[in-house]
């Protein structure tokens, strides 16, 4: 799940998340006044090439573009990697 500010959480690590898990995550976002997308991450956020996120569907009515959230995600990953390397 990708938040509008670039934060992410992983659902269904060993398999795709169930529809109930996705609905529960969307309800949790909405309850906190947040929104985002169900997305697929290609790559590893910790090592290797920079990961990419691919939009699957919006959750809790995001008001920003997916591309903006994906760019914030990429900046956060790059910053964290630099922090760990330094």
PDB file of N, CA and C in Angstrom:
ATOM      1  N   UNK A   1       0.847  -1.161   0.000  1.00  0.00           N
ATOM      2  CA  UNK A   1       0.000   0.000   0.000  1.00  0.00           C
ATOM      3  C   UNK A   1       0.898   1.232   0.000  1.00  0.00           C
ATOM      4  N   UNK A   2       0.640   2.165  -0.878  1.00  0.00           N
ATOM      5  CA  UNK A   2       1.410   3.395  -0.984  1.00  0.00           C
ATOM      6  C   UNK A   2       0.549   4.554  -0.529  1.00  0.00           C
ATOM      7  N   UNK A   3       1.057   5.320   0.449  1.00  0.00           N
ATOM      8  CA  UNK A   3       0.347   6.500   0.919  1.00  0.00           C
ATOM      9  C   UNK A   3       0.623   7.696   0.033  1.00  0.00           C
ATOM     10  N   UNK A   4      -0.211   8.703   0.132  1.00  0.00           N
ATOM     11  CA  UNK A   4      -0.062   9.890  -0.710  1.00  0.00           C
ATOM     12  C   UNK A   4       1.254  10.612  -0.467  1.00  0.00           C
ATOM     13  N   UNK A   5       1.862  10.415   0.715  1.00  0.00           N
ATOM     14  CA  UNK A   5       3.122  11.078   1.033  1.00  0.00           C
ATOM     15  C   UNK A   5       4.344  10.209   0.765  1.00  0.00           C
ATOM     16  N   UNK A   6       4.148   9.043   0.157  1.00  0.00           N
ATOM     17  CA  UNK A   6       5.262   8.173  -0.180  1.00  0.00           C
ATOM     18  C   UNK A   6       5.535   7.067   0.826  1.00  0.00           C
ATOM     19  N   UNK A   7       4.890   7.117   1.985  1.00  0.00           N
ATOM     20  CA  UNK A   7       5.060   6.019   2.944  1.00  0.00           C
ATOM     21  C   UNK A   7       4.396   4.768   2.381  1.00  0.00           C
ATOM     22  N   UNK A   8       4.886   3.617   2.793  1.00  0.00           N
ATOM     23  CA  UNK A   8       4.306   2.378   2.296  1.00  0.00           C
ATOM     24  C   UNK A   8       4.256   1.322   3.386  1.00  0.00           C
ATOM     25  N   UNK A   9       3.368   0.381   3.205  1.00  0.00           N
ATOM     26  CA  UNK A   9       3.271  -0.802   4.056  1.00  0.00           C
ATOM     27  C   UNK A   9       3.070  -1.992   3.130  1.00  0.00           C
ATOM     28  N   UNK A  10       3.567  -3.122   3.556  1.00  0.00           N
ATOM     29  CA  UNK A  10       3.452  -4.326   2.753  1.00  0.00           C
ATOM     30  C   UNK A  10       2.274  -5.160   3.230  1.00  0.00           C
ATOM     31  N   UNK A  11       1.458  -5.573   2.296  1.00  0.00           N
ATOM     32  CA  UNK A  11       0.351  -6.494   2.556  1.00  0.00           C
ATOM     33  C   UNK A  11       0.626  -7.776   1.775  1.00  0.00           C
ATOM     34  N   UNK A  12       0.251  -8.894   2.332  1.00  0.00           N
ATOM     35  CA  UNK A  12       0.334 -10.150   1.595  1.00  0.00           C
ATOM     36  C   UNK A  12       1.721 -10.508   1.123  1.00  0.00           C
ATOM     37  N   UNK A  13       2.698 -10.529   2.016  1.00  0.00           N
ATOM     38  CA  UNK A  13       4.075 -10.812   1.593  1.00  0.00           C
ATOM     39  C   UNK A  13       4.238 -12.148   0.878  1.00  0.00           C
ATOM     40  N   UNK A  14       3.629 -13.208   1.381  1.00  0.00           N
ATOM     41  CA  UNK A  14       3.783 -14.530   0.764  1.00  0.00           C
ATOM     42  C   UNK A  14       2.782 -14.764  -0.361  1.00  0.00           C
ATOM     43  N   UNK A  15       1.752 -13.936  -0.429  1.00  0.00           N
ATOM     44  CA  UNK A  15       0.733 -14.077  -1.471  1.00  0.00           C
ATOM     45  C   UNK A  15       0.022 -12.739  -1.622  1.00  0.00           C
ATOM     46  N   UNK A  16      -0.819 -12.650  -2.627  1.00  0.00           N
ATOM     47  CA  UNK A  16      -1.605 -11.432  -2.793  1.00  0.00           C
ATOM     48  C   UNK A  16      -2.523 -11.259  -1.587  1.00  0.00           C
ATOM     49  N   UNK A  17      -2.743 -10.006  -1.157  1.00  0.00           N
ATOM     50  CA  UNK A  17      -3.664  -9.795  -0.029  1.00  0.00           C
ATOM     51  C   UNK A  17      -5.095 -10.147  -0.439  1.00  0.00           C
ATOM     52  N   UNK A  18      -5.855 -10.611   0.527  1.00  0.00           N
ATOM     53  CA  UNK A  18      -7.261 -10.920   0.249  1.00  0.00           C
ATOM     54  C   UNK A  18      -8.056  -9.616   0.140  1.00  0.00           C
ATOM     55  N   UNK A  19      -9.230  -9.694  -0.434  1.00  0.00           N
ATOM     56  CA  UNK A  19     -10.083  -8.509  -0.546  1.00  0.00           C
ATOM     57  C   UNK A  19     -10.431  -7.986   0.851  1.00  0.00           C
ATOM     58  N   UNK A  20     -10.613  -8.882   1.828  1.00  0.00           N
ATOM     59  CA  UNK A  20     -10.890  -8.450   3.209  1.00  0.00           C
ATOM     60  C   UNK A  20      -9.719  -7.670   3.787  1.00  0.00           C
ATOM     61  N   UNK A  21      -8.489  -8.123   3.520  1.00  0.00           N
ATOM     62  CA  UNK A  21      -7.304  -7.399   3.997  1.00  0.00           C
ATOM     63  C   UNK A  21      -7.229  -6.015   3.364  1.00  0.00           C
ATOM     64  N   UNK A  22      -7.505  -5.931   2.085  1.00  0.00           N
ATOM     65  CA  UNK A  22      -7.461  -4.641   1.392  1.00  0.00           C
ATOM     66  C   UNK A  22      -8.542  -3.710   1.942  1.00  0.00           C
ATOM     67  N   UNK A  23      -9.749  -4.225   2.131  1.00  0.00           N
ATOM     68  CA  UNK A  23     -10.828  -3.398   2.708  1.00  0.00           C
ATOM     69  C   UNK A  23     -10.462  -2.923   4.107  1.00  0.00           C
ATOM     70  N   UNK A  24      -9.889  -3.804   4.912  1.00  0.00           N
ATOM     71  CA  UNK A  24      -9.477  -3.424   6.265  1.00  0.00           C
ATOM     72  C   UNK A  24      -8.406  -2.343   6.247  1.00  0.00           C
ATOM     73  N   UNK A  25      -7.453  -2.469   5.333  1.00  0.00           N
ATOM     74  CA  UNK A  25      -6.402  -1.453   5.207  1.00  0.00           C
ATOM     75  C   UNK A  25      -6.993  -0.121   4.763  1.00  0.00           C
ATOM     76  N   UNK A  26      -7.933  -0.163   3.823  1.00  0.00           N
ATOM     77  CA  UNK A  26      -8.572   1.068   3.360  1.00  0.00           C
ATOM     78  C   UNK A  26      -9.353   1.730   4.500  1.00  0.00           C
ATOM     79  N   UNK A  27     -10.064   0.941   5.271  1.00  0.00           N
ATOM     80  CA  UNK A  27     -10.806   1.487   6.416  1.00  0.00           C
ATOM     81  C   UNK A  27      -9.853   2.113   7.439  1.00  0.00           C
ATOM     82  N   UNK A  28      -8.703   1.474   7.671  1.00  0.00           N
ATOM     83  CA  UNK A  28      -7.714   2.018   8.608  1.00  0.00           C
ATOM     84  C   UNK A  28      -7.152   3.345   8.093  1.00  0.00           C
ATOM     85  N   UNK A  29      -6.877   3.420   6.795  1.00  0.00           N
ATOM     86  CA  UNK A  29      -6.416   4.685   6.215  1.00  0.00           C
ATOM     87  C   UNK A  29      -7.457   5.782   6.426  1.00  0.00           C
ATOM     88  N   UNK A  30      -8.684   5.471   6.047  1.00  0.00           N
ATOM     89  CA  UNK A  30      -9.764   6.445   6.141  1.00  0.00           C
ATOM     90  C   UNK A  30      -9.958   6.911   7.587  1.00  0.00           C
ATOM     91  N   UNK A  31      -9.882   5.991   8.548  1.00  0.00           N
ATOM     92  CA  UNK A  31     -10.068   6.328   9.963  1.00  0.00           C
ATOM     93  C   UNK A  31      -8.994   7.292  10.462  1.00  0.00           C
ATOM     94  N   UNK A  32      -7.820   7.263   9.829  1.00  0.00           N
ATOM     95  CA  UNK A  32      -6.723   8.150  10.220  1.00  0.00           C
ATOM     96  C   UNK A  32      -6.646   9.406   9.351  1.00  0.00           C
ATOM     97  N   UNK A  33      -7.628   9.576   8.474  1.00  0.00           N
ATOM     98  CA  UNK A  33      -7.625  10.735   7.592  1.00  0.00           C
ATOM     99  C   UNK A  33      -6.579  10.635   6.493  1.00  0.00           C
ATOM    100  N   UNK A  34      -6.197   9.414   6.143  1.00  0.00           N
ATOM    101  CA  UNK A  34      -5.179   9.183   5.123  1.00  0.00           C
ATOM    102  C   UNK A  34      -5.801   8.528   3.898  1.00  0.00           C
ATOM    103  N   UNK A  35      -5.029   8.472   2.832  1.00  0.00           N
ATOM    104  CA  UNK A  35      -5.462   7.825   1.600  1.00  0.00           C
ATOM    105  C   UNK A  35      -4.232   7.304   0.884  1.00  0.00           C
ATOM    106  N   UNK A  36      -4.447   6.527  -0.148  1.00  0.00           N
ATOM    107  CA  UNK A  36      -3.323   6.002  -0.911  1.00  0.00           C
ATOM    108  C   UNK A  36      -3.793   5.066  -1.992  1.00  0.00           C
ATOM    109  N   UNK A  37      -2.956   4.085  -2.296  1.00  0.00           N
ATOM    110  CA  UNK A  37      -3.240   3.137  -3.370  1.00  0.00           C
ATOM    111  C   UNK A  37      -2.796   1.747  -2.974  1.00  0.00           C
ATOM    112  N   UNK A  38      -3.508   0.781  -3.468  1.00  0.00           N
ATOM    113  CA  UNK A  38      -3.000  -0.567  -3.487  1.00  0.00           C
ATOM    114  C   UNK A  38      -2.024  -0.572  -4.654  1.00  0.00           C
ATOM    115  N   UNK A  39      -0.800  -1.000  -4.421  1.00  0.00           N
ATOM    116  CA  UNK A  39       0.236  -0.937  -5.445  1.00  0.00           C
ATOM    117  C   UNK A  39       1.103  -2.182  -5.374  1.00  0.00           C
ATOM    118  N   UNK A  40       1.817  -2.414  -6.434  1.00  0.00           N
ATOM    119  CA  UNK A  40       2.775  -3.512  -6.498  1.00  0.00           C
ATOM    120  C   UNK A  40       4.166  -2.894  -6.492  1.00  0.00           C
ATOM    121  N   UNK A  41       5.036  -3.417  -5.624  1.00  0.00           N
ATOM    122  CA  UNK A  41       6.417  -2.944  -5.602  1.00  0.00           C
ATOM    123  C   UNK A  41       7.272  -3.926  -6.395  1.00  0.00           C
ATOM    124  N   UNK A  42       8.039  -3.394  -7.322  1.00  0.00           N
ATOM    125  CA  UNK A  42       9.019  -4.182  -8.059  1.00  0.00           C
ATOM    126  C   UNK A  42      10.380  -3.832  -7.495  1.00  0.00           C
ATOM    127  N   UNK A  43      11.071  -4.810  -6.966  1.00  0.00           N
ATOM    128  CA  UNK A  43      12.391  -4.577  -6.416  1.00  0.00           C
ATOM    129  C   UNK A  43      12.379  -4.602  -4.904  1.00  0.00           C
ATOM    130  N   UNK A  44      13.531  -4.328  -4.349  1.00  0.00           N
ATOM    131  CA  UNK A  44      13.744  -4.387  -2.910  1.00  0.00           C
ATOM    132  C   UNK A  44      14.052  -2.978  -2.399  1.00  0.00           C
ATOM    133  N   UNK A  45      13.351  -2.507  -1.369  1.00  0.00           N
ATOM    134  CA  UNK A  45      13.622  -1.152  -0.884  1.00  0.00           C
ATOM    135  C   UNK A  45      14.969  -1.011  -0.177  1.00  0.00           C
ATOM    136  N   UNK A  46      15.633  -2.119   0.105  1.00  0.00           N
ATOM    137  CA  UNK A  46      16.870  -2.070   0.890  1.00  0.00           C
ATOM    138  C   UNK A  46      18.141  -2.237   0.069  1.00  0.00           C
ATOM    139  N   UNK A  47      18.101  -3.019  -1.003  1.00  0.00           N
ATOM    140  CA  UNK A  47      19.299  -3.284  -1.804  1.00  0.00           C
ATOM    141  C   UNK A  47      18.946  -3.360  -3.287  1.00  0.00           C
ATOM    142  N   UNK A  48      19.992  -3.254  -4.103  1.00  0.00           N
ATOM    143  CA  UNK A  48      19.804  -3.406  -5.541  1.00  0.00           C
ATOM    144  C   UNK A  48      19.287  -2.140  -6.198  1.00  0.00           C
ATOM    145  N   UNK A  49      18.759  -2.329  -7.383  1.00  0.00           N
ATOM    146  CA  UNK A  49      18.206  -1.197  -8.129  1.00  0.00           C
ATOM    147  C   UNK A  49      17.053  -0.573  -7.346  1.00  0.00           C
ATOM    148  N   UNK A  50      16.849   0.698  -7.557  1.00  0.00           N
ATOM    149  CA  UNK A  50      15.757   1.397  -6.865  1.00  0.00           C
ATOM    150  C   UNK A  50      14.424   0.731  -7.213  1.00  0.00           C
ATOM    151  N   UNK A  51      13.600   0.439  -6.204  1.00  0.00           N
ATOM    152  CA  UNK A  51      12.316  -0.198  -6.485  1.00  0.00           C
ATOM    153  C   UNK A  51      11.351   0.765  -7.184  1.00  0.00           C
ATOM    154  N   UNK A  52      10.399   0.182  -7.887  1.00  0.00           N
ATOM    155  CA  UNK A  52       9.336   0.954  -8.520  1.00  0.00           C
ATOM    156  C   UNK A  52       8.012   0.497  -7.936  1.00  0.00           C
ATOM    157  N   UNK A  53       7.028   1.370  -7.979  1.00  0.00           N
ATOM    158  CA  UNK A  53       5.682   0.995  -7.564  1.00  0.00           C
ATOM    159  C   UNK A  53       4.731   1.171  -8.743  1.00  0.00           C
ATOM    160  N   UNK A  54       3.834   0.218  -8.867  1.00  0.00           N
ATOM    161  CA  UNK A  54       2.859   0.222  -9.947  1.00  0.00           C
ATOM    162  C   UNK A  54       1.465   0.307  -9.339  1.00  0.00           C
ATOM    163  N   UNK A  55       0.683   1.243  -9.810  1.00  0.00           N
ATOM    164  CA  UNK A  55      -0.664   1.467  -9.278  1.00  0.00           C
ATOM    165  C   UNK A  55      -1.591   0.296  -9.613  1.00  0.00           C
ATOM    166  N   UNK A  56      -2.336  -0.159  -8.598  1.00  0.00           N
ATOM    167  CA  UNK A  56      -3.373  -1.166  -8.806  1.00  0.00           C
ATOM    168  C   UNK A  56      -4.739  -0.501  -8.699  1.00  0.00           C
ATOM    169  N   UNK A  57      -4.988   0.182  -7.550  1.00  0.00           N
ATOM    170  CA  UNK A  57      -6.261   0.895  -7.406  1.00  0.00           C
ATOM    171  C   UNK A  57      -6.176   1.869  -6.233  1.00  0.00           C
ATOM    172  N   UNK A  58      -6.945   2.955  -6.285  1.00  0.00           N
ATOM    173  CA  UNK A  58      -6.940   3.929  -5.190  1.00  0.00           C
ATOM    174  C   UNK A  58      -7.653   3.371  -3.958  1.00  0.00           C
ATOM    175  N   UNK A  59      -7.223   3.855  -2.799  1.00  0.00           N
ATOM    176  CA  UNK A  59      -7.833   3.502  -1.518  1.00  0.00           C
ATOM    177  C   UNK A  59      -8.156   4.782  -0.757  1.00  0.00           C
ATOM    178  N   UNK A  60      -9.356   4.904  -0.272  1.00  0.00           N
ATOM    179  CA  UNK A  60      -9.788   6.027   0.571  1.00  0.00           C
ATOM    180  C   UNK A  60      -9.704   7.374  -0.150  1.00  0.00           C
ATOM    181  N   UNK A  61      -9.944   7.389  -1.445  1.00  0.00           N
ATOM    182  CA  UNK A  61     -10.069   8.619  -2.233  1.00  0.00           C
ATOM    183  C   UNK A  61      -8.873   9.569  -2.133  1.00  0.00           C
ATOM    184  N   UNK A  62      -7.701   9.168  -2.631  1.00  0.00           N
ATOM    185  CA  UNK A  62      -6.542  10.075  -2.584  1.00  0.00           C
ATOM    186  C   UNK A  62      -6.801  11.348  -3.389  1.00  0.00           C
ATOM    187  N   UNK A  63      -6.238  12.450  -2.924  1.00  0.00           N
ATOM    188  CA  UNK A  63      -6.432  13.740  -3.594  1.00  0.00           C
ATOM    189  C   UNK A  63      -5.190  14.202  -4.346  1.00  0.00           C
ATOM    190  N   UNK A  64      -4.148  13.391  -4.359  1.00  0.00           N
ATOM    191  CA  UNK A  64      -2.950  13.696  -5.142  1.00  0.00           C
ATOM    192  C   UNK A  64      -2.798  12.631  -6.219  1.00  0.00           C
ATOM    193  N   UNK A  65      -1.961  12.896  -7.175  1.00  0.00           N
ATOM    194  CA  UNK A  65      -1.714  11.946  -8.262  1.00  0.00           C
ATOM    195  C   UNK A  65      -0.803  10.814  -7.787  1.00  0.00           C
ATOM    196  N   UNK A  66      -1.032   9.619  -8.316  1.00  0.00           N
ATOM    197  CA  UNK A  66      -0.186   8.477  -7.984  1.00  0.00           C
ATOM    198  C   UNK A  66       1.274   8.786  -8.294  1.00  0.00           C
ATOM    199  N   UNK A  67       1.543   9.436  -9.411  1.00  0.00           N
ATOM    200  CA  UNK A  67       2.924   9.754  -9.801  1.00  0.00           C
ATOM    201  C   UNK A  67       3.625  10.594  -8.739  1.00  0.00           C
ATOM    202  N   UNK A  68       2.909  11.508  -8.093  1.00  0.00           N
ATOM    203  CA  UNK A  68       3.505  12.331  -7.037  1.00  0.00           C
ATOM    204  C   UNK A  68       3.843  11.483  -5.812  1.00  0.00           C
ATOM    205  N   UNK A  69       2.951  10.564  -5.459  1.00  0.00           N
ATOM    206  CA  UNK A  69       3.210   9.675  -4.325  1.00  0.00           C
ATOM    207  C   UNK A  69       4.373   8.733  -4.647  1.00  0.00           C
ATOM    208  N   UNK A  70       4.430   8.236  -5.876  1.00  0.00           N
ATOM    209  CA  UNK A  70       5.524   7.349  -6.282  1.00  0.00           C
ATOM    210  C   UNK A  70       6.858   8.088  -6.246  1.00  0.00           C
ATOM    211  N   UNK A  71       6.871   9.358  -6.628  1.00  0.00           N
ATOM    212  CA  UNK A  71       8.099  10.155  -6.573  1.00  0.00           C
ATOM    213  C   UNK A  71       8.531  10.380  -5.124  1.00  0.00           C
ATOM    214  N   UNK A  72       7.577  10.637  -4.231  1.00  0.00           N
ATOM    215  CA  UNK A  72       7.893  10.796  -2.809  1.00  0.00           C
ATOM    216  C   UNK A  72       8.438   9.489  -2.241  1.00  0.00           C
ATOM    217  N   UNK A  73       7.874   8.371  -2.669  1.00  0.00           N
ATOM    218  CA  UNK A  73       8.358   7.047  -2.272  1.00  0.00           C
ATOM    219  C   UNK A  73       9.815   6.868  -2.701  1.00  0.00           C
ATOM    220  N   UNK A  74      10.118   7.179  -3.959  1.00  0.00           N
ATOM    221  CA  UNK A  74      11.478   7.025  -4.480  1.00  0.00           C
ATOM    222  C   UNK A  74      12.458   7.906  -3.718  1.00  0.00           C
ATOM    223  N   UNK A  75      12.077   9.141  -3.411  1.00  0.00           N
ATOM    224  CA  UNK A  75      12.951  10.036  -2.644  1.00  0.00           C
ATOM    225  C   UNK A  75      13.203   9.484  -1.238  1.00  0.00           C
ATOM    226  N   UNK A  76      12.159   8.969  -0.601  1.00  0.00           N
ATOM    227  CA  UNK A  76      12.305   8.423   0.754  1.00  0.00           C
ATOM    228  C   UNK A  76      13.222   7.200   0.755  1.00  0.00           C
ATOM    229  N   UNK A  77      13.070   6.326  -0.225  1.00  0.00           N
ATOM    230  CA  UNK A  77      13.927   5.137  -0.322  1.00  0.00           C
ATOM    231  C   UNK A  77      15.374   5.563  -0.544  1.00  0.00           C
ATOM    232  N   UNK A  78      15.607   6.487  -1.472  1.00  0.00           N
ATOM    233  CA  UNK A  78      16.963   6.956  -1.754  1.00  0.00           C
ATOM    234  C   UNK A  78      17.575   7.611  -0.519  1.00  0.00           C
ATOM    235  N   UNK A  79      16.796   8.404   0.188  1.00  0.00           N
ATOM    236  CA  UNK A  79      17.284   9.048   1.397  1.00  0.00           C
ATOM    237  C   UNK A  79      17.646   8.045   2.480  1.00  0.00           C
ATOM    238  N   UNK A  80      16.806   7.036   2.658  1.00  0.00           N
ATOM    239  CA  UNK A  80      17.077   6.017   3.665  1.00  0.00           C
ATOM    240  C   UNK A  80      18.316   5.216   3.313  1.00  0.00           C
ATOM    241  N   UNK A  81      18.478   4.869   2.034  1.00  0.00           N
ATOM    242  CA  UNK A  81      19.668   4.134   1.608  1.00  0.00           C
ATOM    243  C   UNK A  81      20.934   4.961   1.841  1.00  0.00           C
ATOM    244  N   UNK A  82      20.871   6.250   1.533  1.00  0.00           N
ATOM    245  CA  UNK A  82      22.019   7.131   1.746  1.00  0.00           C
ATOM    246  C   UNK A  82      22.352   7.225   3.226  1.00  0.00           C
ATOM    247  N   UNK A  83      21.330   7.307   4.038  1.00  0.00           N
ATOM    248  CA  UNK A  83      21.499   7.377   5.494  1.00  0.00           C
ATOM    249  C   UNK A  83      22.201   6.111   6.005  1.00  0.00           C
ATOM    250  N   UNK A  84      21.782   4.963   5.522  1.00  0.00           N
ATOM    251  CA  UNK A  84      22.374   3.704   5.966  1.00  0.00           C
ATOM    252  C   UNK A  84      23.802   3.530   5.449  1.00  0.00           C
ATOM    253  N   UNK A  85      24.082   4.060   4.260  1.00  0.00           N
ATOM    254  CA  UNK A  85      25.407   3.938   3.669  1.00  0.00           C
ATOM    255  C   UNK A  85      26.415   4.887   4.315  1.00  0.00           C
ATOM    256  N   UNK A  86      25.907   6.004   4.838  1.00  0.00           N
ATOM    257  CA  UNK A  86      26.806   7.029   5.364  1.00  0.00           C
ATOM    258  C   UNK A  86      27.147   6.828   6.764  1.00  0.00           C
TER     259      UNK A  86
END
